[in-house]
Structures are given as C-alpha cells and as structure tokens.
C-alpha cells in the first residue's frame, strides 16, 4: 500500500516485531497518539511532565508518556472526565478525527456542508466529521462516517497519509491524483496501473 510505504519512509510508522503492519489490528490510544505526535512533528521530551497533563492512571514511566504529554500540551487531547488517560482503550473514529482536526488546526462550524447522513449536526464530533470529510481525509463506508466504529491501524495509516500529502503539496482536498507513483523494483512494474 502506498500509505504504508510513504509513512514508513517518513519514519512515522514502524512494523510490529514480526515485521508486519497488521492494518486491520485494533489500535489503542497510546499507539495512535504516538503516530499522531510524529505526524504533527511534536517535540518529544523523554523526561517531560506537565502539571496540566497529569493523568491518574499514568506514573510517567510508561513508554508512551512523552507522547501523551506532548499531545496534551498541544491541546489535542485532555483525557477522560475522571482524570484518566486509559492508554489501552481502543480509539473510535470520532475521537481520532477530533485529534486529527485539532492537530491540523482545522475547524468547521455550523451550518455544516460535508456531514455524512449518519452524523447529526448536534453530535459532539460533527465539526470534526465535517472537516475531515470536506478534505477527504477520512474515507466513508457506504456513505457513512461511523464515528463509534473502532479505529484500526489501517484507518490511521490512511488518515495520516492523506493529511501529510495535503500539507506536503499545499493542496486543500485529498484525491488519489496526489499519490506518488510507486515502482515495484522487484518486478519493474508500476503497481498503480
């Protein structure tokens, strides 16, 4: 996949220990924030702590702690109302698109012009769905956004890739015409044909 090759080349993603990317695997909050932080180019301080970004279920020694602090300080996450971060919880599409939209500095306001039929304008995530759909950063499934659906690794790869390509090329809306041509060096064939 062009997304995986692009993100690996940019150092945004890494494969699993068995050298696979497992694009249909669930993605927890810690893993997702790590990739988002890399994409946004946030400075990661291994010893970072912040009085405004302390969560009751983290002690600061976790591998993901510097990424959580960076994302929190950047205003992209705030944790749960009970003061926890819940790193092992799976992200859903609505939560992920909120992070992506805020991280890109994007916003939408009512009246929304790009809401899929399954997103009511009163939903908390309506501004984020409107933004990512308008930019074509998040593919729809049979015309639906599916905000409550689990966010898997493949979703993250597609969303981050599309956002990075838009920024890199200075474009406003993603289309496959922005994809680089990838040449299969082993076969000498263009896999995009």
N, C-alpha and C. Protein backbone atom coordinates (compact mmCIF):
# COMPACT_ATOMS: atom_id res chain seq x y z
N UNK A 1 0.82 -1.18 0.00
CA UNK A 1 0.00 0.00 0.00
C UNK A 1 0.87 1.25 0.00
N UNK A 2 0.49 2.22 -0.80
CA UNK A 2 1.26 3.45 -0.91
C UNK A 2 1.32 4.18 0.43
N UNK A 3 0.24 4.10 1.21
CA UNK A 3 0.22 4.78 2.51
C UNK A 3 1.29 4.23 3.44
N UNK A 4 1.39 2.92 3.51
CA UNK A 4 2.34 2.26 4.41
C UNK A 4 3.77 2.57 3.99
N UNK A 5 4.05 2.47 2.69
CA UNK A 5 5.41 2.76 2.20
C UNK A 5 5.79 4.21 2.49
N UNK A 6 4.89 5.12 2.24
CA UNK A 6 5.13 6.55 2.46
C UNK A 6 5.41 6.83 3.94
N UNK A 7 4.54 6.33 4.81
CA UNK A 7 4.68 6.62 6.25
C UNK A 7 5.91 5.94 6.85
N UNK A 8 6.25 4.76 6.36
CA UNK A 8 7.46 4.09 6.84
C UNK A 8 8.70 4.87 6.42
N UNK A 9 8.70 5.33 5.16
CA UNK A 9 9.83 6.10 4.66
C UNK A 9 10.02 7.40 5.45
N UNK A 10 8.93 8.01 5.88
CA UNK A 10 8.99 9.25 6.65
C UNK A 10 9.28 9.01 8.13
N UNK A 11 9.35 7.74 8.56
CA UNK A 11 9.62 7.43 9.96
C UNK A 11 8.42 7.64 10.87
N UNK A 12 7.23 7.67 10.29
CA UNK A 12 6.01 7.89 11.07
C UNK A 12 5.50 6.59 11.68
N UNK A 13 5.62 5.48 10.94
CA UNK A 13 5.19 4.19 11.46
C UNK A 13 6.33 3.20 11.42
N UNK A 14 6.18 2.18 12.24
CA UNK A 14 7.11 1.06 12.27
C UNK A 14 6.28 -0.21 12.25
N UNK A 15 6.85 -1.27 11.73
CA UNK A 15 6.14 -2.54 11.73
C UNK A 15 6.14 -3.15 13.12
N UNK A 16 5.44 -4.22 13.25
CA UNK A 16 5.41 -4.96 14.51
C UNK A 16 6.66 -5.82 14.59
N UNK A 17 6.84 -6.47 15.72
CA UNK A 17 8.03 -7.30 15.94
C UNK A 17 8.18 -8.38 14.87
N UNK A 18 7.07 -8.87 14.32
CA UNK A 18 7.13 -9.90 13.28
C UNK A 18 7.26 -9.29 11.87
N UNK A 19 7.57 -8.00 11.80
CA UNK A 19 7.80 -7.26 10.56
C UNK A 19 6.53 -7.07 9.71
N UNK A 20 5.36 -7.15 10.33
CA UNK A 20 4.12 -6.87 9.63
C UNK A 20 3.56 -5.55 10.14
N UNK A 21 2.64 -4.96 9.38
CA UNK A 21 1.99 -3.73 9.84
C UNK A 21 0.58 -4.00 10.35
N UNK A 22 0.00 -5.15 9.98
CA UNK A 22 -1.28 -5.61 10.51
C UNK A 22 -2.32 -4.50 10.49
N UNK A 23 -2.68 -4.05 9.29
CA UNK A 23 -3.54 -2.88 9.14
C UNK A 23 -4.95 -3.05 9.69
N UNK A 24 -5.42 -4.25 9.92
CA UNK A 24 -6.76 -4.46 10.47
C UNK A 24 -6.75 -4.66 11.99
N UNK A 25 -5.57 -4.57 12.59
CA UNK A 25 -5.47 -4.76 14.05
C UNK A 25 -6.02 -3.56 14.80
N UNK A 26 -6.63 -3.81 15.95
CA UNK A 26 -7.10 -2.70 16.80
C UNK A 26 -5.93 -1.78 17.17
N UNK A 27 -6.26 -0.56 17.46
CA UNK A 27 -5.27 0.45 17.79
C UNK A 27 -5.66 1.08 19.11
N UNK A 28 -4.77 1.01 20.09
CA UNK A 28 -5.12 1.63 21.36
C UNK A 28 -4.72 3.10 21.36
N UNK A 29 -5.14 3.80 22.39
CA UNK A 29 -4.92 5.25 22.46
C UNK A 29 -3.43 5.60 22.47
N UNK A 30 -2.63 4.84 23.19
CA UNK A 30 -1.19 5.12 23.26
C UNK A 30 -0.53 4.98 21.89
N UNK A 31 -0.85 3.91 21.18
CA UNK A 31 -0.27 3.70 19.84
C UNK A 31 -0.69 4.81 18.88
N UNK A 32 -1.96 5.15 18.89
CA UNK A 32 -2.46 6.19 17.98
C UNK A 32 -1.80 7.53 18.26
N UNK A 33 -1.69 7.90 19.53
CA UNK A 33 -1.10 9.20 19.87
C UNK A 33 0.36 9.26 19.46
N UNK A 34 1.05 8.15 19.54
CA UNK A 34 2.45 8.12 19.12
C UNK A 34 2.58 8.48 17.65
N UNK A 35 1.74 7.89 16.81
CA UNK A 35 1.79 8.17 15.38
C UNK A 35 1.35 9.61 15.09
N UNK A 36 0.27 10.05 15.74
CA UNK A 36 -0.18 11.43 15.53
C UNK A 36 0.92 12.42 15.94
N UNK A 37 1.57 12.18 17.06
CA UNK A 37 2.62 13.09 17.53
C UNK A 37 3.77 13.17 16.52
N UNK A 38 4.13 12.03 15.94
CA UNK A 38 5.18 12.02 14.91
C UNK A 38 4.73 12.79 13.68
N UNK A 39 3.48 12.56 13.28
CA UNK A 39 2.95 13.25 12.11
C UNK A 39 2.96 14.76 12.29
N UNK A 40 2.53 15.22 13.46
CA UNK A 40 2.46 16.66 13.73
C UNK A 40 3.84 17.26 14.00
N UNK A 41 4.87 16.40 14.06
CA UNK A 41 6.22 16.89 14.28
C UNK A 41 6.43 17.46 15.68
N UNK A 42 5.70 16.94 16.65
CA UNK A 42 5.82 17.44 18.01
C UNK A 42 7.18 17.07 18.60
N UNK A 43 7.72 17.97 19.37
CA UNK A 43 8.98 17.70 20.06
C UNK A 43 8.67 16.76 21.22
N UNK A 44 9.35 15.65 21.26
CA UNK A 44 9.13 14.64 22.29
C UNK A 44 10.27 14.69 23.29
N UNK A 45 9.95 15.03 24.51
CA UNK A 45 10.92 15.09 25.60
C UNK A 45 10.69 13.87 26.48
N UNK A 46 11.67 12.96 26.49
CA UNK A 46 11.55 11.71 27.25
C UNK A 46 11.31 11.95 28.73
N UNK A 47 11.68 13.10 29.24
CA UNK A 47 11.51 13.42 30.66
C UNK A 47 10.39 14.43 30.91
N UNK A 48 9.54 14.59 29.92
CA UNK A 48 8.50 15.61 30.00
C UNK A 48 7.48 15.30 31.09
N UNK A 49 7.07 16.35 31.73
CA UNK A 49 5.92 16.28 32.64
C UNK A 49 5.29 17.66 32.61
N UNK A 50 4.03 17.68 32.92
CA UNK A 50 3.30 18.94 32.89
C UNK A 50 2.20 18.88 33.94
N UNK A 51 2.09 19.91 34.77
CA UNK A 51 1.03 19.88 35.77
C UNK A 51 -0.37 19.84 35.15
N UNK A 52 -0.51 20.36 33.94
CA UNK A 52 -1.81 20.35 33.26
C UNK A 52 -2.08 19.05 32.53
N UNK A 53 -1.09 18.19 32.44
CA UNK A 53 -1.22 16.96 31.66
C UNK A 53 -0.87 15.73 32.50
N UNK A 54 -1.36 15.67 33.70
CA UNK A 54 -1.15 14.51 34.55
C UNK A 54 -2.43 13.70 34.62
N UNK A 55 -2.29 12.42 34.45
CA UNK A 55 -3.44 11.53 34.46
C UNK A 55 -3.27 10.53 35.60
N UNK A 56 -4.35 10.23 36.29
CA UNK A 56 -4.28 9.39 37.48
C UNK A 56 -3.87 7.95 37.19
N UNK A 57 -4.02 7.50 35.97
CA UNK A 57 -3.64 6.13 35.63
C UNK A 57 -2.28 6.05 34.93
N UNK A 58 -1.49 7.12 35.02
CA UNK A 58 -0.14 7.13 34.46
C UNK A 58 0.82 7.65 35.52
N UNK A 59 2.01 7.01 35.60
CA UNK A 59 3.00 7.48 36.56
C UNK A 59 4.16 8.21 35.90
N UNK A 60 4.17 8.29 34.57
CA UNK A 60 5.22 9.00 33.85
C UNK A 60 6.33 8.11 33.35
N UNK A 61 6.33 6.83 33.76
CA UNK A 61 7.38 5.90 33.34
C UNK A 61 6.98 5.07 32.13
N UNK A 62 5.76 5.20 31.66
CA UNK A 62 5.27 4.41 30.54
C UNK A 62 5.98 4.85 29.25
N UNK A 63 6.18 3.91 28.33
CA UNK A 63 6.86 4.22 27.07
C UNK A 63 6.15 5.34 26.31
N UNK A 64 4.85 5.45 26.45
CA UNK A 64 4.06 6.42 25.70
C UNK A 64 3.90 7.75 26.42
N UNK A 65 4.35 7.85 27.65
CA UNK A 65 4.15 9.06 28.45
C UNK A 65 4.62 10.34 27.76
N UNK A 66 5.81 10.37 27.14
CA UNK A 66 6.24 11.62 26.48
C UNK A 66 5.31 12.05 25.33
N UNK A 67 4.73 11.07 24.63
CA UNK A 67 3.81 11.37 23.53
C UNK A 67 2.50 11.93 24.07
N UNK A 68 2.03 11.35 25.16
CA UNK A 68 0.78 11.82 25.78
C UNK A 68 0.95 13.25 26.26
N UNK A 69 2.08 13.53 26.92
CA UNK A 69 2.33 14.89 27.41
C UNK A 69 2.40 15.87 26.24
N UNK A 70 3.11 15.50 25.18
CA UNK A 70 3.23 16.39 24.02
C UNK A 70 1.87 16.66 23.37
N UNK A 71 1.07 15.63 23.23
CA UNK A 71 -0.26 15.80 22.63
C UNK A 71 -1.17 16.62 23.54
N UNK A 72 -1.07 16.41 24.84
CA UNK A 72 -1.88 17.17 25.79
C UNK A 72 -1.46 18.64 25.80
N UNK A 73 -0.16 18.88 25.85
CA UNK A 73 0.32 20.27 25.83
C UNK A 73 -0.05 20.97 24.52
N UNK A 74 -0.17 20.20 23.44
CA UNK A 74 -0.57 20.76 22.15
C UNK A 74 -2.08 20.97 22.03
N UNK A 75 -2.82 20.61 23.07
CA UNK A 75 -4.27 20.81 23.07
C UNK A 75 -5.06 19.79 22.27
N UNK A 76 -4.43 18.68 21.90
CA UNK A 76 -5.10 17.69 21.06
C UNK A 76 -5.83 16.63 21.86
N UNK A 77 -5.45 16.46 23.12
CA UNK A 77 -6.15 15.50 23.99
C UNK A 77 -6.28 16.12 25.38
N UNK A 78 -7.23 15.60 26.13
CA UNK A 78 -7.39 16.05 27.51
C UNK A 78 -7.71 14.91 28.46
N UNK A 79 -7.84 13.71 27.95
CA UNK A 79 -8.16 12.58 28.80
C UNK A 79 -9.65 12.51 29.10
N UNK A 80 -10.00 11.65 30.01
CA UNK A 80 -11.40 11.43 30.38
C UNK A 80 -11.79 12.32 31.56
N UNK A 81 -13.07 12.57 31.74
CA UNK A 81 -13.52 13.43 32.84
C UNK A 81 -13.09 12.95 34.23
N UNK A 82 -12.83 11.65 34.38
CA UNK A 82 -12.42 11.14 35.69
C UNK A 82 -10.93 11.31 35.94
N UNK A 83 -10.22 12.02 35.04
CA UNK A 83 -8.79 12.29 35.22
C UNK A 83 -7.86 11.22 34.70
N UNK A 84 -8.40 10.22 33.99
CA UNK A 84 -7.57 9.15 33.46
C UNK A 84 -7.30 9.36 31.97
N UNK A 85 -6.27 8.65 31.48
CA UNK A 85 -5.96 8.66 30.06
C UNK A 85 -6.45 7.37 29.39
N UNK A 86 -6.38 6.24 30.07
CA UNK A 86 -6.83 4.94 29.59
C UNK A 86 -6.12 4.54 28.30
N UNK A 87 -4.81 4.41 28.39
CA UNK A 87 -3.94 4.13 27.25
C UNK A 87 -4.31 2.87 26.48
N UNK A 88 -4.79 1.85 27.15
CA UNK A 88 -5.08 0.60 26.46
C UNK A 88 -6.47 0.57 25.82
N UNK A 89 -7.28 1.59 26.04
CA UNK A 89 -8.60 1.65 25.39
C UNK A 89 -8.43 1.88 23.90
N UNK A 90 -9.33 1.28 23.14
CA UNK A 90 -9.30 1.49 21.70
C UNK A 90 -9.98 2.82 21.37
N UNK A 91 -9.36 3.55 20.47
CA UNK A 91 -9.91 4.80 19.96
C UNK A 91 -11.07 4.48 19.01
N UNK A 92 -12.05 5.36 18.93
CA UNK A 92 -13.05 5.19 17.87
C UNK A 92 -12.78 6.26 16.81
N UNK A 93 -13.49 6.15 15.69
CA UNK A 93 -13.24 7.07 14.56
C UNK A 93 -13.49 8.53 14.93
N UNK A 94 -14.54 8.79 15.70
CA UNK A 94 -14.86 10.17 16.07
C UNK A 94 -13.74 10.78 16.91
N UNK A 95 -13.23 10.03 17.89
CA UNK A 95 -12.14 10.54 18.73
C UNK A 95 -10.90 10.80 17.90
N UNK A 96 -10.58 9.87 17.01
CA UNK A 96 -9.39 10.03 16.17
C UNK A 96 -9.50 11.24 15.25
N UNK A 97 -10.69 11.47 14.70
CA UNK A 97 -10.85 12.61 13.78
C UNK A 97 -10.83 13.94 14.54
N UNK A 98 -11.21 13.93 15.81
CA UNK A 98 -11.08 15.13 16.63
C UNK A 98 -9.59 15.47 16.79
N UNK A 99 -8.79 14.47 17.12
CA UNK A 99 -7.34 14.67 17.28
C UNK A 99 -6.73 15.17 15.98
N UNK A 100 -7.08 14.52 14.87
CA UNK A 100 -6.53 14.91 13.57
C UNK A 100 -6.91 16.34 13.21
N UNK A 101 -8.16 16.70 13.39
CA UNK A 101 -8.63 18.04 13.05
C UNK A 101 -7.95 19.10 13.89
N UNK A 102 -7.90 18.90 15.19
CA UNK A 102 -7.25 19.87 16.08
C UNK A 102 -5.76 19.98 15.75
N UNK A 103 -5.12 18.84 15.54
CA UNK A 103 -3.69 18.84 15.22
C UNK A 103 -3.37 19.56 13.92
N UNK A 104 -4.29 19.51 12.98
CA UNK A 104 -4.08 20.19 11.69
C UNK A 104 -4.51 21.66 11.74
N UNK A 105 -5.06 22.07 12.88
CA UNK A 105 -5.53 23.45 13.01
C UNK A 105 -6.80 23.69 12.23
N UNK A 106 -7.52 22.61 11.94
CA UNK A 106 -8.75 22.72 11.17
C UNK A 106 -9.95 22.95 12.06
N UNK A 107 -10.97 23.47 11.46
CA UNK A 107 -12.22 23.64 12.20
C UNK A 107 -13.35 23.80 11.21
N UNK A 108 -14.50 23.45 11.66
CA UNK A 108 -15.73 23.66 10.90
C UNK A 108 -16.76 24.19 11.88
N UNK A 109 -17.68 24.94 11.38
CA UNK A 109 -18.75 25.42 12.25
C UNK A 109 -20.07 25.34 11.47
N UNK A 110 -21.13 25.28 12.23
CA UNK A 110 -22.45 25.18 11.61
C UNK A 110 -22.74 26.45 10.81
N UNK A 111 -23.44 26.38 9.73
CA UNK A 111 -24.03 25.16 9.19
C UNK A 111 -22.98 24.32 8.46
N UNK A 112 -22.99 23.03 8.76
CA UNK A 112 -22.04 22.11 8.17
C UNK A 112 -22.45 21.75 6.75
N UNK A 113 -21.48 21.64 5.87
CA UNK A 113 -21.78 21.35 4.47
C UNK A 113 -21.30 19.98 4.03
N UNK A 114 -20.55 19.28 4.88
CA UNK A 114 -19.96 18.00 4.48
C UNK A 114 -20.33 16.84 5.40
N UNK A 115 -21.40 16.98 6.17
CA UNK A 115 -21.76 15.91 7.10
C UNK A 115 -22.37 14.72 6.38
N UNK A 116 -21.84 13.52 6.65
CA UNK A 116 -22.49 12.31 6.12
C UNK A 116 -23.85 12.13 6.78
N UNK A 117 -24.69 11.32 6.18
CA UNK A 117 -26.06 11.15 6.66
C UNK A 117 -26.15 10.57 8.07
N UNK A 118 -25.13 9.87 8.53
CA UNK A 118 -25.20 9.27 9.87
C UNK A 118 -24.65 10.19 10.96
N UNK A 119 -24.31 11.44 10.63
CA UNK A 119 -23.81 12.39 11.63
C UNK A 119 -24.79 13.56 11.73
N UNK A 120 -25.42 13.66 12.86
CA UNK A 120 -26.34 14.76 13.14
C UNK A 120 -25.53 15.99 13.51
N UNK A 121 -25.98 17.15 13.10
CA UNK A 121 -25.26 18.40 13.39
C UNK A 121 -25.09 18.65 14.88
N UNK A 122 -25.89 18.00 15.72
CA UNK A 122 -25.79 18.17 17.17
C UNK A 122 -24.80 17.24 17.84
N UNK A 123 -24.24 16.27 17.12
CA UNK A 123 -23.27 15.35 17.71
C UNK A 123 -22.01 16.12 18.09
N UNK A 124 -21.37 15.72 19.20
CA UNK A 124 -20.16 16.42 19.65
C UNK A 124 -19.07 16.40 18.59
N UNK A 125 -19.05 15.37 17.76
CA UNK A 125 -17.98 15.24 16.77
C UNK A 125 -18.37 15.77 15.38
N UNK A 126 -19.52 16.41 15.25
CA UNK A 126 -19.95 16.94 13.95
C UNK A 126 -18.93 17.89 13.31
N UNK A 127 -18.32 18.83 14.08
CA UNK A 127 -17.36 19.72 13.42
C UNK A 127 -16.14 18.98 12.87
N UNK A 128 -15.74 17.92 13.55
CA UNK A 128 -14.56 17.16 13.12
C UNK A 128 -14.90 16.28 11.91
N UNK A 129 -16.08 15.66 11.94
CA UNK A 129 -16.52 14.87 10.79
C UNK A 129 -16.66 15.76 9.56
N UNK A 130 -17.24 16.93 9.73
CA UNK A 130 -17.42 17.86 8.62
C UNK A 130 -16.07 18.25 8.02
N UNK A 131 -15.10 18.52 8.87
CA UNK A 131 -13.77 18.94 8.41
C UNK A 131 -13.08 17.82 7.63
N UNK A 132 -12.98 16.61 8.22
CA UNK A 132 -12.23 15.54 7.56
C UNK A 132 -12.93 15.04 6.31
N UNK A 133 -14.25 15.05 6.30
CA UNK A 133 -14.97 14.63 5.10
C UNK A 133 -14.79 15.68 4.01
N UNK A 134 -14.85 16.94 4.38
CA UNK A 134 -14.65 18.02 3.41
C UNK A 134 -13.28 18.01 2.77
N UNK A 135 -12.28 17.58 3.51
CA UNK A 135 -10.91 17.49 2.99
C UNK A 135 -10.61 16.12 2.39
N UNK A 136 -11.57 15.20 2.49
CA UNK A 136 -11.41 13.81 2.04
C UNK A 136 -10.25 13.11 2.76
N UNK A 137 -10.10 13.40 4.04
CA UNK A 137 -9.07 12.76 4.84
C UNK A 137 -9.52 11.42 5.39
N UNK A 138 -10.82 11.24 5.55
CA UNK A 138 -11.37 10.01 6.12
C UNK A 138 -12.37 9.40 5.14
N UNK A 139 -12.04 8.22 4.62
CA UNK A 139 -12.98 7.57 3.71
C UNK A 139 -14.30 7.25 4.41
N UNK A 140 -15.38 7.32 3.68
CA UNK A 140 -16.68 6.94 4.22
C UNK A 140 -16.93 5.47 3.88
N UNK A 141 -17.80 4.85 4.65
CA UNK A 141 -18.15 3.45 4.42
C UNK A 141 -19.61 3.41 4.01
N UNK A 142 -19.85 3.14 2.73
CA UNK A 142 -21.21 3.18 2.18
C UNK A 142 -21.88 4.51 2.49
N UNK A 143 -21.11 5.58 2.41
CA UNK A 143 -21.64 6.92 2.64
C UNK A 143 -21.74 7.34 4.10
N UNK A 144 -21.33 6.46 5.02
CA UNK A 144 -21.44 6.75 6.45
C UNK A 144 -20.06 7.01 7.07
N UNK A 145 -20.06 7.86 8.08
CA UNK A 145 -18.84 8.19 8.82
C UNK A 145 -18.51 7.13 9.87
N UNK A 146 -19.53 6.59 10.53
CA UNK A 146 -19.35 5.54 11.54
C UNK A 146 -18.45 5.98 12.68
N UNK A 147 -18.81 7.08 13.34
CA UNK A 147 -18.00 7.64 14.41
C UNK A 147 -17.73 6.73 15.57
N UNK A 148 -18.63 5.82 15.88
CA UNK A 148 -18.44 4.92 17.02
C UNK A 148 -17.62 3.68 16.67
N UNK A 149 -17.33 3.48 15.40
CA UNK A 149 -16.57 2.29 14.99
C UNK A 149 -15.15 2.34 15.55
N UNK A 150 -14.62 1.16 15.87
CA UNK A 150 -13.22 1.10 16.34
C UNK A 150 -12.27 1.62 15.26
N UNK A 151 -11.28 2.35 15.69
CA UNK A 151 -10.26 2.90 14.81
C UNK A 151 -9.13 1.89 14.75
N UNK A 152 -8.86 1.35 13.56
CA UNK A 152 -7.82 0.33 13.40
C UNK A 152 -6.58 0.95 12.76
N UNK A 153 -5.50 0.18 12.77
CA UNK A 153 -4.22 0.68 12.26
C UNK A 153 -4.34 1.18 10.82
N UNK A 154 -5.05 0.46 9.97
CA UNK A 154 -5.21 0.86 8.57
C UNK A 154 -5.90 2.21 8.43
N UNK A 155 -6.90 2.47 9.30
CA UNK A 155 -7.56 3.78 9.29
C UNK A 155 -6.54 4.88 9.56
N UNK A 156 -5.74 4.66 10.58
CA UNK A 156 -4.72 5.64 10.96
C UNK A 156 -3.76 5.89 9.80
N UNK A 157 -3.30 4.82 9.16
CA UNK A 157 -2.37 4.97 8.05
C UNK A 157 -2.97 5.83 6.95
N UNK A 158 -4.22 5.56 6.58
CA UNK A 158 -4.87 6.32 5.50
C UNK A 158 -5.05 7.78 5.90
N UNK A 159 -5.56 8.03 7.10
CA UNK A 159 -5.82 9.40 7.54
C UNK A 159 -4.54 10.22 7.63
N UNK A 160 -3.52 9.65 8.24
CA UNK A 160 -2.25 10.38 8.40
C UNK A 160 -1.58 10.60 7.05
N UNK A 161 -1.59 9.58 6.21
CA UNK A 161 -1.00 9.72 4.87
C UNK A 161 -1.68 10.84 4.09
N UNK A 162 -3.01 10.83 4.07
CA UNK A 162 -3.73 11.85 3.30
C UNK A 162 -3.46 13.25 3.85
N UNK A 163 -3.43 13.39 5.15
CA UNK A 163 -3.16 14.70 5.75
C UNK A 163 -1.75 15.17 5.42
N UNK A 164 -0.79 14.27 5.48
CA UNK A 164 0.59 14.65 5.18
C UNK A 164 0.76 15.02 3.71
N UNK A 165 0.09 14.30 2.82
CA UNK A 165 0.20 14.62 1.38
C UNK A 165 -0.41 15.99 1.09
N UNK A 166 -1.54 16.30 1.72
CA UNK A 166 -2.15 17.62 1.52
C UNK A 166 -1.19 18.72 1.94
N UNK A 167 -0.62 18.54 3.12
CA UNK A 167 0.30 19.57 3.62
C UNK A 167 1.55 19.66 2.76
N UNK A 168 2.09 18.53 2.40
CA UNK A 168 3.31 18.48 1.60
C UNK A 168 3.14 19.16 0.25
N UNK A 169 1.98 18.98 -0.36
CA UNK A 169 1.73 19.52 -1.70
C UNK A 169 0.98 20.85 -1.70
N UNK A 170 0.57 21.30 -0.51
CA UNK A 170 -0.15 22.57 -0.42
C UNK A 170 -1.53 22.51 -1.03
N UNK A 171 -2.13 21.33 -1.03
CA UNK A 171 -3.47 21.15 -1.60
C UNK A 171 -4.52 21.32 -0.51
N UNK A 172 -5.77 21.51 -0.94
CA UNK A 172 -6.86 21.72 0.00
C UNK A 172 -7.70 20.46 0.24
N UNK A 173 -7.86 19.63 -0.79
CA UNK A 173 -8.66 18.42 -0.69
C UNK A 173 -7.86 17.26 -1.26
N UNK A 174 -7.87 16.12 -0.54
CA UNK A 174 -7.13 14.95 -0.99
C UNK A 174 -7.85 14.27 -2.15
N UNK A 175 -7.06 13.80 -3.11
CA UNK A 175 -7.55 12.89 -4.14
C UNK A 175 -6.41 11.95 -4.48
N UNK A 176 -6.73 10.81 -5.05
CA UNK A 176 -5.69 9.83 -5.37
C UNK A 176 -4.70 10.37 -6.40
N UNK A 177 -5.05 11.42 -7.10
CA UNK A 177 -4.10 12.01 -8.05
C UNK A 177 -2.89 12.60 -7.33
N UNK A 178 -2.99 12.77 -6.01
CA UNK A 178 -1.87 13.29 -5.23
C UNK A 178 -0.91 12.20 -4.80
N UNK A 179 -1.28 10.94 -5.04
CA UNK A 179 -0.42 9.83 -4.64
C UNK A 179 0.82 9.77 -5.51
N UNK A 180 1.96 9.49 -4.88
CA UNK A 180 3.17 9.33 -5.69
C UNK A 180 3.08 8.03 -6.48
N UNK A 181 3.76 7.99 -7.60
CA UNK A 181 3.84 6.76 -8.37
C UNK A 181 4.87 5.88 -7.69
N UNK A 182 4.47 4.67 -7.36
CA UNK A 182 5.36 3.73 -6.68
C UNK A 182 5.74 2.66 -7.69
N UNK A 183 7.02 2.49 -7.87
CA UNK A 183 7.53 1.49 -8.82
C UNK A 183 7.95 0.25 -8.04
N UNK A 184 7.43 -0.89 -8.48
CA UNK A 184 7.80 -2.15 -7.87
C UNK A 184 9.17 -2.54 -8.42
N UNK A 185 10.20 -2.35 -7.59
CA UNK A 185 11.58 -2.56 -8.06
C UNK A 185 11.87 -4.02 -8.37
N UNK A 186 11.18 -4.93 -7.71
CA UNK A 186 11.44 -6.35 -7.96
C UNK A 186 10.91 -6.76 -9.32
N UNK A 187 9.69 -6.37 -9.62
CA UNK A 187 9.07 -6.77 -10.87
C UNK A 187 9.27 -5.73 -11.98
N UNK A 188 9.65 -4.50 -11.60
CA UNK A 188 9.80 -3.46 -12.59
C UNK A 188 8.46 -2.95 -13.11
N UNK A 189 7.40 -3.18 -12.33
CA UNK A 189 6.07 -2.76 -12.75
C UNK A 189 5.57 -1.66 -11.85
N UNK A 190 4.71 -0.83 -12.39
CA UNK A 190 4.04 0.20 -11.62
C UNK A 190 2.79 -0.40 -11.01
N UNK A 191 2.73 -0.58 -9.67
CA UNK A 191 1.57 -1.23 -9.05
C UNK A 191 0.33 -0.34 -9.07
N UNK A 192 0.47 0.94 -9.45
CA UNK A 192 -0.68 1.83 -9.50
C UNK A 192 -1.43 1.74 -10.82
N UNK A 193 -0.93 0.93 -11.74
CA UNK A 193 -1.56 0.81 -13.06
C UNK A 193 -2.54 -0.34 -13.05
